PDB file of all heavy atoms in Angstrom:
ATOM      1  N   VAL A   1      57.289  24.943 198.268  1.00  0.00           N
ATOM      2  CA  VAL A   1      55.808  24.759 198.240  1.00  0.00           C
ATOM      3  C   VAL A   1      55.174  25.854 197.406  1.00  0.00           C
ATOM      4  O   VAL A   1      54.275  25.590 196.565  1.00  0.00           O
ATOM      5  CB  VAL A   1      55.236  24.772 199.673  1.00  0.00           C
ATOM      6  CG1 VAL A   1      53.699  24.575 199.695  1.00  0.00           C
ATOM      7  CG2 VAL A   1      55.878  23.599 200.499  1.00  0.00           C
ATOM      8  N   LEU A   2      55.538  27.106 197.676  1.00  0.00           N
ATOM      9  CA  LEU A   2      54.884  28.222 196.965  1.00  0.00           C
ATOM     10  C   LEU A   2      55.375  28.324 195.555  1.00  0.00           C
ATOM     11  O   LEU A   2      54.542  28.678 194.713  1.00  0.00           O
ATOM     12  CB  LEU A   2      55.286  29.524 197.725  1.00  0.00           C
ATOM     13  CG  LEU A   2      54.648  29.716 199.179  1.00  0.00           C
ATOM     14  CD1 LEU A   2      55.428  30.851 199.896  1.00  0.00           C
ATOM     15  CD2 LEU A   2      53.219  29.990 198.980  1.00  0.00           C
ATOM     16  N   TYR A   3      56.682  28.082 195.265  1.00  0.00           N
ATOM     17  CA  TYR A   3      57.244  28.384 193.904  1.00  0.00           C
ATOM     18  C   TYR A   3      57.785  27.250 193.197  1.00  0.00           C
ATOM     19  O   TYR A   3      58.282  27.318 192.079  1.00  0.00           O
ATOM     20  CB  TYR A   3      58.246  29.478 194.098  1.00  0.00           C
ATOM     21  CG  TYR A   3      57.691  30.757 194.738  1.00  0.00           C
ATOM     22  CD1 TYR A   3      58.164  31.206 196.007  1.00  0.00           C
ATOM     23  CD2 TYR A   3      56.602  31.483 194.134  1.00  0.00           C
ATOM     24  CE1 TYR A   3      57.628  32.309 196.588  1.00  0.00           C
ATOM     25  CE2 TYR A   3      56.119  32.528 194.771  1.00  0.00           C
ATOM     26  CZ  TYR A   3      56.649  33.028 195.968  1.00  0.00           C
ATOM     27  OH  TYR A   3      56.086  34.094 196.528  1.00  0.00           O
ATOM     28  N   GLY A   4      57.863  26.068 193.865  1.00  0.00           N
ATOM     29  CA  GLY A   4      58.333  24.841 193.160  1.00  0.00           C
ATOM     30  C   GLY A   4      59.836  24.662 193.248  1.00  0.00           C
ATOM     31  O   GLY A   4      60.585  25.542 193.625  1.00  0.00           O
ATOM     32  N   ARG A   5      60.239  23.433 192.821  1.00  0.00           N
ATOM     33  CA  ARG A   5      61.678  23.081 192.894  1.00  0.00           C
ATOM     34  C   ARG A   5      62.317  23.172 191.521  1.00  0.00           C
ATOM     35  O   ARG A   5      63.518  22.932 191.425  1.00  0.00           O
ATOM     36  CB  ARG A   5      61.772  21.562 193.387  1.00  0.00           C
ATOM     37  CG  ARG A   5      61.445  21.403 194.836  1.00  0.00           C
ATOM     38  CD  ARG A   5      61.716  20.014 195.282  1.00  0.00           C
ATOM     39  NE  ARG A   5      63.186  19.703 195.016  1.00  0.00           N
ATOM     40  CZ  ARG A   5      63.641  18.503 195.025  1.00  0.00           C
ATOM     41  NH1 ARG A   5      62.819  17.410 195.123  1.00  0.00           N
ATOM     42  NH2 ARG A   5      64.947  18.252 194.804  1.00  0.00           N
ATOM     43  N   LYS A   6      61.686  23.708 190.591  1.00  0.00           N
ATOM     44  CA  LYS A   6      62.257  23.964 189.269  1.00  0.00           C
ATOM     45  C   LYS A   6      62.424  25.513 189.108  1.00  0.00           C
ATOM     46  O   LYS A   6      61.385  26.248 188.741  1.00  0.00           O
ATOM     47  CB  LYS A   6      61.432  23.410 188.110  1.00  0.00           C
ATOM     48  CG  LYS A   6      62.072  23.560 186.743  1.00  0.00           C
ATOM     49  CD  LYS A   6      61.291  23.036 185.619  1.00  0.00           C
ATOM     50  CE  LYS A   6      61.955  23.253 184.229  1.00  0.00           C
ATOM     51  NZ  LYS A   6      61.177  22.653 183.098  1.00  0.00           N
ATOM     52  N   PRO A   7      63.603  26.042 189.311  1.00  0.00           N
ATOM     53  CA  PRO A   7      63.760  27.526 189.246  1.00  0.00           C
ATOM     54  C   PRO A   7      63.439  28.100 187.810  1.00  0.00           C
ATOM     55  O   PRO A   7      63.941  27.548 186.838  1.00  0.00           O
ATOM     56  CB  PRO A   7      65.261  27.723 189.548  1.00  0.00           C
ATOM     57  CG  PRO A   7      65.645  26.466 190.393  1.00  0.00           C
ATOM     58  CD  PRO A   7      64.847  25.394 189.717  1.00  0.00           C
ATOM     59  N   ARG A   8      62.596  29.059 187.856  1.00  0.00           N
ATOM     60  CA  ARG A   8      62.157  29.730 186.587  1.00  0.00           C
ATOM     61  C   ARG A   8      62.755  31.149 186.619  1.00  0.00           C
ATOM     62  O   ARG A   8      62.746  31.857 187.602  1.00  0.00           O
ATOM     63  CB  ARG A   8      60.623  29.832 186.511  1.00  0.00           C
ATOM     64  CG  ARG A   8      59.944  28.485 186.407  1.00  0.00           C
ATOM     65  CD  ARG A   8      58.530  28.586 186.871  1.00  0.00           C
ATOM     66  NE  ARG A   8      58.372  28.620 188.380  1.00  0.00           N
ATOM     67  CZ  ARG A   8      57.616  29.472 188.973  1.00  0.00           C
ATOM     68  NH1 ARG A   8      56.845  30.335 188.272  1.00  0.00           N
ATOM     69  NH2 ARG A   8      57.557  29.522 190.278  1.00  0.00           N
ATOM     70  N   THR A   9      63.285  31.576 185.509  1.00  0.00           N
ATOM     71  CA  THR A   9      64.015  32.890 185.474  1.00  0.00           C
ATOM     72  C   THR A   9      63.395  33.784 184.443  1.00  0.00           C
ATOM     73  O   THR A   9      62.712  33.393 183.542  1.00  0.00           O
ATOM     74  CB  THR A   9      65.463  32.712 185.190  1.00  0.00           C
ATOM     75  OG1 THR A   9      65.661  32.271 183.833  1.00  0.00           O
ATOM     76  CG2 THR A   9      66.182  31.619 186.044  1.00  0.00           C
ATOM     77  N   LYS A  10      63.605  35.077 184.598  1.00  0.00           N
ATOM     78  CA  LYS A  10      63.372  36.067 183.626  1.00  0.00           C
ATOM     79  C   LYS A  10      64.477  36.034 182.629  1.00  0.00           C
ATOM     80  O   LYS A  10      65.480  35.334 182.791  1.00  0.00           O
ATOM     81  CB  LYS A  10      63.236  37.400 184.229  1.00  0.00           C
ATOM     82  CG  LYS A  10      62.050  37.595 185.173  1.00  0.00           C
ATOM     83  CD  LYS A  10      62.060  38.987 185.840  1.00  0.00           C
ATOM     84  CE  LYS A  10      60.899  39.170 186.739  1.00  0.00           C
ATOM     85  NZ  LYS A  10      60.854  40.433 187.504  1.00  0.00           N
ATOM     86  N   LEU A  11      64.334  36.740 181.538  1.00  0.00           N
ATOM     87  CA  LEU A  11      65.386  36.898 180.525  1.00  0.00           C
ATOM     88  C   LEU A  11      66.351  38.031 180.929  1.00  0.00           C
ATOM     89  O   LEU A  11      65.904  38.952 181.606  1.00  0.00           O
ATOM     90  CB  LEU A  11      64.759  37.165 179.135  1.00  0.00           C
ATOM     91  CG  LEU A  11      63.799  36.113 178.591  1.00  0.00           C
ATOM     92  CD1 LEU A  11      63.139  36.593 177.358  1.00  0.00           C
ATOM     93  CD2 LEU A  11      64.530  34.793 178.340  1.00  0.00           C
ATOM     94  N   PRO A  12      67.616  37.922 180.606  1.00  0.00           N
ATOM     95  CA  PRO A  12      68.476  39.004 180.985  1.00  0.00           C
ATOM     96  C   PRO A  12      68.045  40.370 180.634  1.00  0.00           C
ATOM     97  O   PRO A  12      68.064  41.317 181.394  1.00  0.00           O
ATOM     98  CB  PRO A  12      69.829  38.629 180.299  1.00  0.00           C
ATOM     99  CG  PRO A  12      69.735  37.119 180.216  1.00  0.00           C
ATOM    100  CD  PRO A  12      68.308  36.802 179.948  1.00  0.00           C
ATOM    101  N   HIS A  13      67.604  40.574 179.314  1.00  0.00           N
ATOM    102  CA  HIS A  13      67.187  41.880 178.856  1.00  0.00           C
ATOM    103  C   HIS A  13      65.960  42.350 179.656  1.00  0.00           C
ATOM    104  O   HIS A  13      65.729  43.555 179.833  1.00  0.00           O
ATOM    105  CB  HIS A  13      66.932  41.915 177.360  1.00  0.00           C
ATOM    106  CG  HIS A  13      65.619  41.254 177.033  1.00  0.00           C
ATOM    107  ND1 HIS A  13      64.368  41.822 177.064  1.00  0.00           N
ATOM    108  CD2 HIS A  13      65.342  39.993 176.524  1.00  0.00           C
ATOM    109  CE1 HIS A  13      63.402  40.987 176.600  1.00  0.00           C
ATOM    110  NE2 HIS A  13      63.971  39.882 176.323  1.00  0.00           N
ATOM    111  N   GLN A  14      65.136  41.439 180.128  1.00  0.00           N
ATOM    112  CA  GLN A  14      63.997  41.768 180.925  1.00  0.00           C
ATOM    113  C   GLN A  14      64.380  42.414 182.275  1.00  0.00           C
ATOM    114  O   GLN A  14      63.777  43.467 182.675  1.00  0.00           O
ATOM    115  CB  GLN A  14      63.173  40.469 181.166  1.00  0.00           C
ATOM    116  CG  GLN A  14      61.792  40.585 181.697  1.00  0.00           C
ATOM    117  CD  GLN A  14      61.171  39.219 181.861  1.00  0.00           C
ATOM    118  OE1 GLN A  14      61.738  38.189 181.569  1.00  0.00           O
ATOM    119  NE2 GLN A  14      59.947  39.176 182.423  1.00  0.00           N
ATOM    120  N   LEU A  15      65.344  41.761 182.975  1.00  0.00           N
ATOM    121  CA  LEU A  15      65.786  42.315 184.200  1.00  0.00           C
ATOM    122  C   LEU A  15      66.527  43.681 183.989  1.00  0.00           C
ATOM    123  O   LEU A  15      66.353  44.632 184.816  1.00  0.00           O
ATOM    124  CB  LEU A  15      66.682  41.330 184.923  1.00  0.00           C
ATOM    125  CG  LEU A  15      66.905  41.845 186.386  1.00  0.00           C
ATOM    126  CD1 LEU A  15      65.891  41.299 187.321  1.00  0.00           C
ATOM    127  CD2 LEU A  15      68.348  41.529 186.887  1.00  0.00           C
ATOM    128  N   LEU A  16      67.307  43.771 183.008  1.00  0.00           N
ATOM    129  CA  LEU A  16      67.938  45.035 182.643  1.00  0.00           C
ATOM    130  C   LEU A  16      66.976  46.182 182.416  1.00  0.00           C
ATOM    131  O   LEU A  16      67.218  47.320 182.682  1.00  0.00           O
ATOM    132  CB  LEU A  16      68.908  44.911 181.492  1.00  0.00           C
ATOM    133  CG  LEU A  16      70.077  43.924 181.665  1.00  0.00           C
ATOM    134  CD1 LEU A  16      71.042  43.940 180.476  1.00  0.00           C
ATOM    135  CD2 LEU A  16      70.887  44.234 182.933  1.00  0.00           C
ATOM    136  N   LYS A  17      65.823  45.795 181.856  1.00  0.00           N
ATOM    137  CA  LYS A  17      64.728  46.846 181.636  1.00  0.00           C
ATOM    138  C   LYS A  17      64.268  47.320 182.936  1.00  0.00           C
ATOM    139  O   LYS A  17      63.961  48.559 183.118  1.00  0.00           O
ATOM    140  CB  LYS A  17      63.654  46.190 180.775  1.00  0.00           C
ATOM    141  CG  LYS A  17      62.673  47.189 180.191  1.00  0.00           C
ATOM    142  CD  LYS A  17      61.668  46.451 179.224  1.00  0.00           C
ATOM    143  CE  LYS A  17      60.716  47.397 178.658  1.00  0.00           C
ATOM    144  NZ  LYS A  17      59.683  46.727 177.791  1.00  0.00           N
ATOM    145  N   GLU A  18      64.188  46.498 183.964  1.00  0.00           N
ATOM    146  CA  GLU A  18      63.738  46.898 185.271  1.00  0.00           C
ATOM    147  C   GLU A  18      64.792  47.854 185.905  1.00  0.00           C
ATOM    148  O   GLU A  18      64.485  48.871 186.527  1.00  0.00           O
ATOM    149  CB  GLU A  18      63.568  45.658 186.175  1.00  0.00           C
ATOM    150  CG  GLU A  18      62.417  44.738 185.713  1.00  0.00           C
ATOM    151  CD  GLU A  18      62.116  43.594 186.544  1.00  0.00           C
ATOM    152  OE1 GLU A  18      62.691  43.609 187.735  1.00  0.00           O
ATOM    153  OE2 GLU A  18      61.479  42.631 186.157  1.00  0.00           O
ATOM    154  N   LEU A  19      66.089  47.513 185.682  1.00  0.00           N
ATOM    155  CA  LEU A  19      67.175  48.401 186.211  1.00  0.00           C
ATOM    156  C   LEU A  19      67.146  49.698 185.492  1.00  0.00           C
ATOM    157  O   LEU A  19      67.394  50.775 186.033  1.00  0.00           O
ATOM    158  CB  LEU A  19      68.530  47.700 186.064  1.00  0.00           C
ATOM    159  CG  LEU A  19      68.699  46.399 186.844  1.00  0.00           C
ATOM    160  CD1 LEU A  19      70.098  45.880 186.581  1.00  0.00           C
ATOM    161  CD2 LEU A  19      68.366  46.626 188.328  1.00  0.00           C
ATOM    162  N   ASP A  20      66.840  49.747 184.145  1.00  0.00           N
ATOM    163  CA  ASP A  20      66.664  50.943 183.400  1.00  0.00           C
ATOM    164  C   ASP A  20      65.594  51.877 184.067  1.00  0.00           C
ATOM    165  O   ASP A  20      65.775  53.095 184.133  1.00  0.00           O
ATOM    166  CB  ASP A  20      66.335  50.705 181.927  1.00  0.00           C
ATOM    167  CG  ASP A  20      67.475  50.197 181.096  1.00  0.00           C
ATOM    168  OD1 ASP A  20      68.638  50.609 181.387  1.00  0.00           O
ATOM    169  OD2 ASP A  20      67.267  49.447 180.095  1.00  0.00           O
ATOM    170  N   CYS A  21      64.461  51.177 184.451  1.00  0.00           N
ATOM    171  CA  CYS A  21      63.381  51.944 185.041  1.00  0.00           C
ATOM    172  C   CYS A  21      63.854  52.631 186.331  1.00  0.00           C
ATOM    173  O   CYS A  21      63.597  53.834 186.538  1.00  0.00           O
ATOM    174  CB  CYS A  21      62.211  51.003 185.294  1.00  0.00           C
ATOM    175  SG  CYS A  21      60.873  51.773 186.139  1.00  0.00           S
ATOM    176  N   LEU A  22      64.554  51.848 187.185  1.00  0.00           N
ATOM    177  CA  LEU A  22      65.053  52.469 188.444  1.00  0.00           C
ATOM    178  C   LEU A  22      66.013  53.533 188.189  1.00  0.00           C
ATOM    179  O   LEU A  22      66.020  54.584 188.774  1.00  0.00           O
ATOM    180  CB  LEU A  22      65.678  51.293 189.295  1.00  0.00           C
ATOM    181  CG  LEU A  22      64.706  50.363 190.008  1.00  0.00           C
ATOM    182  CD1 LEU A  22      65.512  49.183 190.610  1.00  0.00           C
ATOM    183  CD2 LEU A  22      63.952  51.006 191.037  1.00  0.00           C
ATOM    184  N   TYR A  23      66.934  53.317 187.189  1.00  0.00           N
ATOM    185  CA  TYR A  23      67.933  54.346 186.883  1.00  0.00           C
ATOM    186  C   TYR A  23      67.274  55.608 186.367  1.00  0.00           C
ATOM    187  O   TYR A  23      67.631  56.702 186.812  1.00  0.00           O
ATOM    188  CB  TYR A  23      68.853  53.722 185.820  1.00  0.00           C
ATOM    189  CG  TYR A  23      70.020  54.657 185.489  1.00  0.00           C
ATOM    190  CD1 TYR A  23      71.192  54.621 186.182  1.00  0.00           C
ATOM    191  CD2 TYR A  23      69.941  55.561 184.424  1.00  0.00           C
ATOM    192  CE1 TYR A  23      72.270  55.436 185.846  1.00  0.00           C
ATOM    193  CE2 TYR A  23      71.014  56.403 184.106  1.00  0.00           C
ATOM    194  CZ  TYR A  23      72.137  56.332 184.781  1.00  0.00           C
ATOM    195  OH  TYR A  23      73.210  57.192 184.504  1.00  0.00           O
ATOM    196  N   ASN A  24      66.236  55.495 185.529  1.00  0.00           N
ATOM    197  CA  ASN A  24      65.573  56.691 184.975  1.00  0.00           C
ATOM    198  C   ASN A  24      64.745  57.379 186.034  1.00  0.00           C
ATOM    199  O   ASN A  24      64.506  58.577 185.917  1.00  0.00           O
ATOM    200  CB  ASN A  24      64.675  56.266 183.830  1.00  0.00           C
ATOM    201  CG  ASN A  24      65.458  55.818 182.577  1.00  0.00           C
ATOM    202  OD1 ASN A  24      66.636  56.214 182.424  1.00  0.00           O
ATOM    203  ND2 ASN A  24      64.873  54.908 181.798  1.00  0.00           N
ATOM    204  N   LEU A  25      64.344  56.645 187.119  1.00  0.00           N
ATOM    205  CA  LEU A  25      63.595  57.289 188.243  1.00  0.00           C
ATOM    206  C   LEU A  25      64.666  58.020 189.193  1.00  0.00           C
ATOM    207  O   LEU A  25      64.163  58.642 190.164  1.00  0.00           O
ATOM    208  CB  LEU A  25      62.804  56.253 188.969  1.00  0.00           C
ATOM    209  CG  LEU A  25      61.580  55.801 188.267  1.00  0.00           C
ATOM    210  CD1 LEU A  25      61.014  54.551 189.079  1.00  0.00           C
ATOM    211  CD2 LEU A  25      60.492  56.926 188.135  1.00  0.00           C
ATOM    212  N   GLY A  26      65.913  57.828 188.961  1.00  0.00           N
ATOM    213  CA  GLY A  26      66.943  58.586 189.699  1.00  0.00           C
ATOM    214  C   GLY A  26      67.447  57.729 190.887  1.00  0.00           C
ATOM    215  O   GLY A  26      68.282  58.234 191.727  1.00  0.00           O
ATOM    216  N   TRP A  27      67.183  56.413 190.922  1.00  0.00           N
ATOM    217  CA  TRP A  27      67.709  55.580 191.948  1.00  0.00           C
ATOM    218  C   TRP A  27      69.203  55.392 191.795  1.00  0.00           C
ATOM    219  O   TRP A  27      69.694  55.037 190.707  1.00  0.00           O
ATOM    220  CB  TRP A  27      66.979  54.271 192.026  1.00  0.00           C
ATOM    221  CG  TRP A  27      67.364  53.408 193.207  1.00  0.00           C
ATOM    222  CD1 TRP A  27      68.208  52.375 193.335  1.00  0.00           C
ATOM    223  CD2 TRP A  27      66.850  53.600 194.555  1.00  0.00           C
ATOM    224  NE1 TRP A  27      68.289  51.896 194.558  1.00  0.00           N
ATOM    225  CE2 TRP A  27      67.485  52.651 195.405  1.00  0.00           C
ATOM    226  CE3 TRP A  27      65.979  54.529 195.108  1.00  0.00           C
ATOM    227  CZ2 TRP A  27      67.229  52.614 196.729  1.00  0.00           C
ATOM    228  CZ3 TRP A  27      65.694  54.425 196.438  1.00  0.00           C
ATOM    229  CH2 TRP A  27      66.328  53.447 197.235  1.00  0.00           C
ATOM    230  N   ARG A  28      69.971  55.537 192.880  1.00  0.00           N
ATOM    231  CA  ARG A  28      71.407  55.341 192.856  1.00  0.00           C
ATOM    232  C   ARG A  28      71.936  54.663 194.141  1.00  0.00           C
ATOM    233  O   ARG A  28      73.118  54.915 194.483  1.00  0.00           O
ATOM    234  CB  ARG A  28      72.136  56.707 192.683  1.00  0.00           C
ATOM    235  CG  ARG A  28      71.870  57.472 191.402  1.00  0.00           C
ATOM    236  CD  ARG A  28      72.327  56.723 190.193  1.00  0.00           C
ATOM    237  NE  ARG A  28      72.166  57.514 188.921  1.00  0.00           N
ATOM    238  CZ  ARG A  28      70.999  57.541 188.246  1.00  0.00           C
ATOM    239  NH1 ARG A  28      69.954  56.761 188.633  1.00  0.00           N
ATOM    240  NH2 ARG A  28      70.924  58.237 187.170  1.00  0.00           N
ATOM    241  N   ARG A  29      71.122  53.832 194.748  1.00  0.00           N
ATOM    242  CA  ARG A  29      71.628  53.181 195.922  1.00  0.00           C
ATOM    243  C   ARG A  29      71.531  51.667 195.711  1.00  0.00           C
ATOM    244  O   ARG A  29      71.579  51.137 194.604  1.00  0.00           O
ATOM    245  CB  ARG A  29      70.776  53.633 197.154  1.00  0.00           C
ATOM    246  CG  ARG A  29      70.980  55.040 197.530  1.00  0.00           C
ATOM    247  CD  ARG A  29      70.573  55.338 198.936  1.00  0.00           C
ATOM    248  NE  ARG A  29      69.183  55.081 199.180  1.00  0.00           N
ATOM    249  CZ  ARG A  29      68.239  56.075 199.051  1.00  0.00           C
ATOM    250  NH1 ARG A  29      68.574  57.271 198.582  1.00  0.00           N
ATOM    251  NH2 ARG A  29      67.001  55.831 199.304  1.00  0.00           N
ATOM    252  N   GLY A  30      71.463  50.924 196.781  1.00  0.00           N
ATOM    253  CA  GLY A  30      71.480  49.446 196.706  1.00  0.00           C
ATOM    254  C   GLY A  30      70.239  48.911 196.081  1.00  0.00           C
ATOM    255  O   GLY A  30      69.139  49.391 196.114  1.00  0.00           O
ATOM    256  N   VAL A  31      70.460  47.675 195.511  1.00  0.00           N
ATOM    257  CA  VAL A  31      69.341  46.907 194.958  1.00  0.00           C
ATOM    258  C   VAL A  31      69.530  45.424 195.468  1.00  0.00           C
ATOM    259  O   VAL A  31      70.549  44.830 195.342  1.00  0.00           O
ATOM    260  CB  VAL A  31      69.435  46.909 193.421  1.00  0.00           C
ATOM    261  CG1 VAL A  31      68.379  45.944 192.819  1.00  0.00           C
ATOM    262  CG2 VAL A  31      69.230  48.255 192.848  1.00  0.00           C
ATOM    263  N   PHE A  32      68.395  45.002 196.102  1.00  0.00           N
ATOM    264  CA  PHE A  32      68.434  43.560 196.647  1.00  0.00           C
ATOM    265  C   PHE A  32      67.747  42.696 195.590  1.00  0.00           C
ATOM    266  O   PHE A  32      66.594  42.873 195.159  1.00  0.00           O
ATOM    267  CB  PHE A  32      67.643  43.573 197.958  1.00  0.00           C
ATOM    268  CG  PHE A  32      67.576  42.198 198.562  1.00  0.00           C
ATOM    269  CD1 PHE A  32      68.757  41.432 198.747  1.00  0.00           C
ATOM    270  CD2 PHE A  32      66.420  41.619 198.982  1.00  0.00           C
ATOM    271  CE1 PHE A  32      68.710  40.225 199.348  1.00  0.00           C
ATOM    272  CE2 PHE A  32      66.323  40.369 199.604  1.00  0.00           C
ATOM    273  CZ  PHE A  32      67.472  39.656 199.722  1.00  0.00           C
ATOM    274  N   MET A  33      68.471  41.607 195.139  1.00  0.00           N
ATOM    275  CA  MET A  33      67.947  40.638 194.260  1.00  0.00           C
ATOM    276  C   MET A  33      67.157  39.621 195.162  1.00  0.00           C
ATOM    277  O   MET A  33      67.837  38.790 195.799  1.00  0.00           O
ATOM    278  CB  MET A  33      69.083  39.944 193.478  1.00  0.00           C
ATOM    279  CG  MET A  33      68.688  39.271 192.225  1.00  0.00           C
ATOM    280  SD  MET A  33      68.457  40.421 190.813  1.00  0.00           S
ATOM    281  CE  MET A  33      70.134  40.961 190.525  1.00  0.00           C
ATOM    282  N   VAL A  34      65.906  39.708 195.198  1.00  0.00           N
ATOM    283  CA  VAL A  34      65.125  39.062 196.237  1.00  0.00           C
ATOM    284  C   VAL A  34      64.913  37.528 195.969  1.00  0.00           C
ATOM    285  O   VAL A  34      64.243  36.869 196.765  1.00  0.00           O
ATOM    286  CB  VAL A  34      63.705  39.690 196.417  1.00  0.00           C
ATOM    287  CG1 VAL A  34      63.829  41.154 196.677  1.00  0.00           C
ATOM    288  CG2 VAL A  34      62.829  39.479 195.165  1.00  0.00           C
ATOM    289  N   ASP A  35      65.520  36.967 194.997  1.00  0.00           N
ATOM    290  CA  ASP A  35      65.428  35.569 194.694  1.00  0.00           C
ATOM    291  C   ASP A  35      65.723  34.747 195.998  1.00  0.00           C
ATOM    292  O   ASP A  35      66.706  35.030 196.652  1.00  0.00           O
ATOM    293  CB  ASP A  35      66.342  35.097 193.624  1.00  0.00           C
ATOM    294  CG  ASP A  35      66.216  35.960 192.364  1.00  0.00           C
ATOM    295  OD1 ASP A  35      65.922  37.114 192.431  1.00  0.00           O
ATOM    296  OD2 ASP A  35      66.492  35.407 191.254  1.00  0.00           O
ATOM    297  N   ASP A  36      64.930  33.707 196.270  1.00  0.00           N
ATOM    298  CA  ASP A  36      65.257  32.891 197.470  1.00  0.00           C
ATOM    299  C   ASP A  36      66.437  32.029 197.245  1.00  0.00           C
ATOM    300  O   ASP A  36      67.104  31.682 198.268  1.00  0.00           O
ATOM    301  CB  ASP A  36      64.030  32.031 197.752  1.00  0.00           C
ATOM    302  CG  ASP A  36      62.807  32.845 198.148  1.00  0.00           C
ATOM    303  OD1 ASP A  36      62.865  33.471 199.272  1.00  0.00           O
ATOM    304  OD2 ASP A  36      61.848  33.010 197.409  1.00  0.00           O
ATOM    305  N   ASN A  37      66.828  31.765 196.072  1.00  0.00           N
ATOM    306  CA  ASN A  37      68.094  31.120 195.748  1.00  0.00           C
ATOM    307  C   ASN A  37      68.565  31.661 194.354  1.00  0.00           C
ATOM    308  O   ASN A  37      68.212  31.161 193.353  1.00  0.00           O
ATOM    309  CB  ASN A  37      68.065  29.632 195.790  1.00  0.00           C
ATOM    310  CG  ASN A  37      69.507  28.999 195.647  1.00  0.00           C
ATOM    311  OD1 ASN A  37      70.472  29.743 195.433  1.00  0.00           O
ATOM    312  ND2 ASN A  37      69.510  27.729 195.694  1.00  0.00           N
ATOM    313  N   PHE A  38      69.311  32.758 194.407  1.00  0.00           N
ATOM    314  CA  PHE A  38      69.767  33.436 193.153  1.00  0.00           C
ATOM    315  C   PHE A  38      70.425  32.485 192.183  1.00  0.00           C
ATOM    316  O   PHE A  38      70.348  32.694 190.972  1.00  0.00           O
ATOM    317  CB  PHE A  38      70.664  34.622 193.510  1.00  0.00           C
ATOM    318  CG  PHE A  38      71.099  35.383 192.336  1.00  0.00           C
ATOM    319  CD1 PHE A  38      70.280  36.071 191.508  1.00  0.00           C
ATOM    320  CD2 PHE A  38      72.475  35.598 192.108  1.00  0.00           C
ATOM    321  CE1 PHE A  38      70.663  36.871 190.441  1.00  0.00           C
ATOM    322  CE2 PHE A  38      72.889  36.372 191.114  1.00  0.00           C
ATOM    323  CZ  PHE A  38      72.028  36.979 190.227  1.00  0.00           C
ATOM    324  N   ILE A  39      71.158  31.489 192.678  1.00  0.00           N
ATOM    325  CA  ILE A  39      71.943  30.632 191.837  1.00  0.00           C
ATOM    326  C   ILE A  39      71.212  29.277 191.597  1.00  0.00           C
ATOM    327  O   ILE A  39      71.859  28.273 191.192  1.00  0.00           O
ATOM    328  CB  ILE A  39      73.300  30.396 192.425  1.00  0.00           C
ATOM    329  CG1 ILE A  39      73.288  29.623 193.769  1.00  0.00           C
ATOM    330  CG2 ILE A  39      73.989  31.691 192.599  1.00  0.00           C
ATOM    331  CD1 ILE A  39      74.576  29.042 194.223  1.00  0.00           C
ATOM    332  N   GLY A  40      69.918  29.221 191.761  1.00  0.00           N
ATOM    333  CA  GLY A  40      69.208  27.965 191.586  1.00  0.00           C
ATOM    334  C   GLY A  40      69.287  27.451 190.136  1.00  0.00           C
ATOM    335  O   GLY A  40      69.292  26.273 189.942  1.00  0.00           O
ATOM    336  N   ASN A  41      69.347  28.412 189.138  1.00  0.00           N
ATOM    337  CA  ASN A  41      69.615  28.010 187.763  1.00  0.00           C
ATOM    338  C   ASN A  41      70.907  28.696 187.379  1.00  0.00           C
ATOM    339  O   ASN A  41      70.914  29.823 186.923  1.00  0.00           O
ATOM    340  CB  ASN A  41      68.406  28.481 186.914  1.00  0.00           C
ATOM    341  CG  ASN A  41      68.547  28.031 185.446  1.00  0.00           C
ATOM    342  OD1 ASN A  41      69.614  28.046 184.918  1.00  0.00           O
ATOM    343  ND2 ASN A  41      67.423  27.705 184.848  1.00  0.00           N
ATOM    344  N   LYS A  42      72.015  27.969 187.567  1.00  0.00           N
ATOM    345  CA  LYS A  42      73.354  28.682 187.365  1.00  0.00           C
ATOM    346  C   LYS A  42      73.608  29.091 185.943  1.00  0.00           C
ATOM    347  O   LYS A  42      74.182  30.077 185.716  1.00  0.00           O
ATOM    348  CB  LYS A  42      74.404  27.677 187.948  1.00  0.00           C
ATOM    349  CG  LYS A  42      74.477  27.561 189.439  1.00  0.00           C
ATOM    350  CD  LYS A  42      75.620  26.668 189.891  1.00  0.00           C
ATOM    351  CE  LYS A  42      75.650  26.479 191.410  1.00  0.00           C
ATOM    352  NZ  LYS A  42      76.766  25.686 191.812  1.00  0.00           N
ATOM    353  N   ARG A  43      73.098  28.237 185.096  1.00  0.00           N
ATOM    354  CA  ARG A  43      73.277  28.621 183.621  1.00  0.00           C
ATOM    355  C   ARG A  43      72.681  29.988 183.282  1.00  0.00           C
ATOM    356  O   ARG A  43      73.314  30.856 182.771  1.00  0.00           O
ATOM    357  CB  ARG A  43      72.693  27.531 182.726  1.00  0.00           C
ATOM    358  CG  ARG A  43      72.716  27.875 181.234  1.00  0.00           C
ATOM    359  CD  ARG A  43      71.909  26.877 180.436  1.00  0.00           C
ATOM    360  NE  ARG A  43      71.731  27.370 179.087  1.00  0.00           N
ATOM    361  CZ  ARG A  43      70.799  28.180 178.697  1.00  0.00           C
ATOM    362  NH1 ARG A  43      69.909  28.697 179.591  1.00  0.00           N
ATOM    363  NH2 ARG A  43      70.727  28.582 177.373  1.00  0.00           N
ATOM    364  N   ASN A  44      71.379  30.099 183.709  1.00  0.00           N
ATOM    365  CA  ASN A  44      70.736  31.351 183.346  1.00  0.00           C
ATOM    366  C   ASN A  44      71.223  32.525 184.179  1.00  0.00           C
ATOM    367  O   ASN A  44      71.262  33.655 183.665  1.00  0.00           O
ATOM    368  CB  ASN A  44      69.240  31.204 183.643  1.00  0.00           C
ATOM    369  CG  ASN A  44      68.558  30.352 182.501  1.00  0.00           C
ATOM    370  OD1 ASN A  44      69.239  29.811 181.549  1.00  0.00           O
ATOM    371  ND2 ASN A  44      67.313  30.229 182.542  1.00  0.00           N
ATOM    372  N   VAL A  45      71.692  32.281 185.361  1.00  0.00           N
ATOM    373  CA  VAL A  45      72.147  33.444 186.166  1.00  0.00           C
ATOM    374  C   VAL A  45      73.561  33.959 185.582  1.00  0.00           C
ATOM    375  O   VAL A  45      73.877  35.099 185.651  1.00  0.00           O
ATOM    376  CB  VAL A  45      72.266  33.100 187.656  1.00  0.00           C
ATOM    377  CG1 VAL A  45      73.517  32.380 188.046  1.00  0.00           C
ATOM    378  CG2 VAL A  45      72.141  34.356 188.532  1.00  0.00           C
TER     379      VAL A  45
END
């Protein structure tokens, strides 16, 4: 209802840029991929 039945994804380089940000801030622990269904778009994932 909130986000629809057609999974929309970011681009791979876009997500890696977010990880770069966390890495540069000194983060070195767990990261939760909060997608409600991470494999909704298997091709893109």
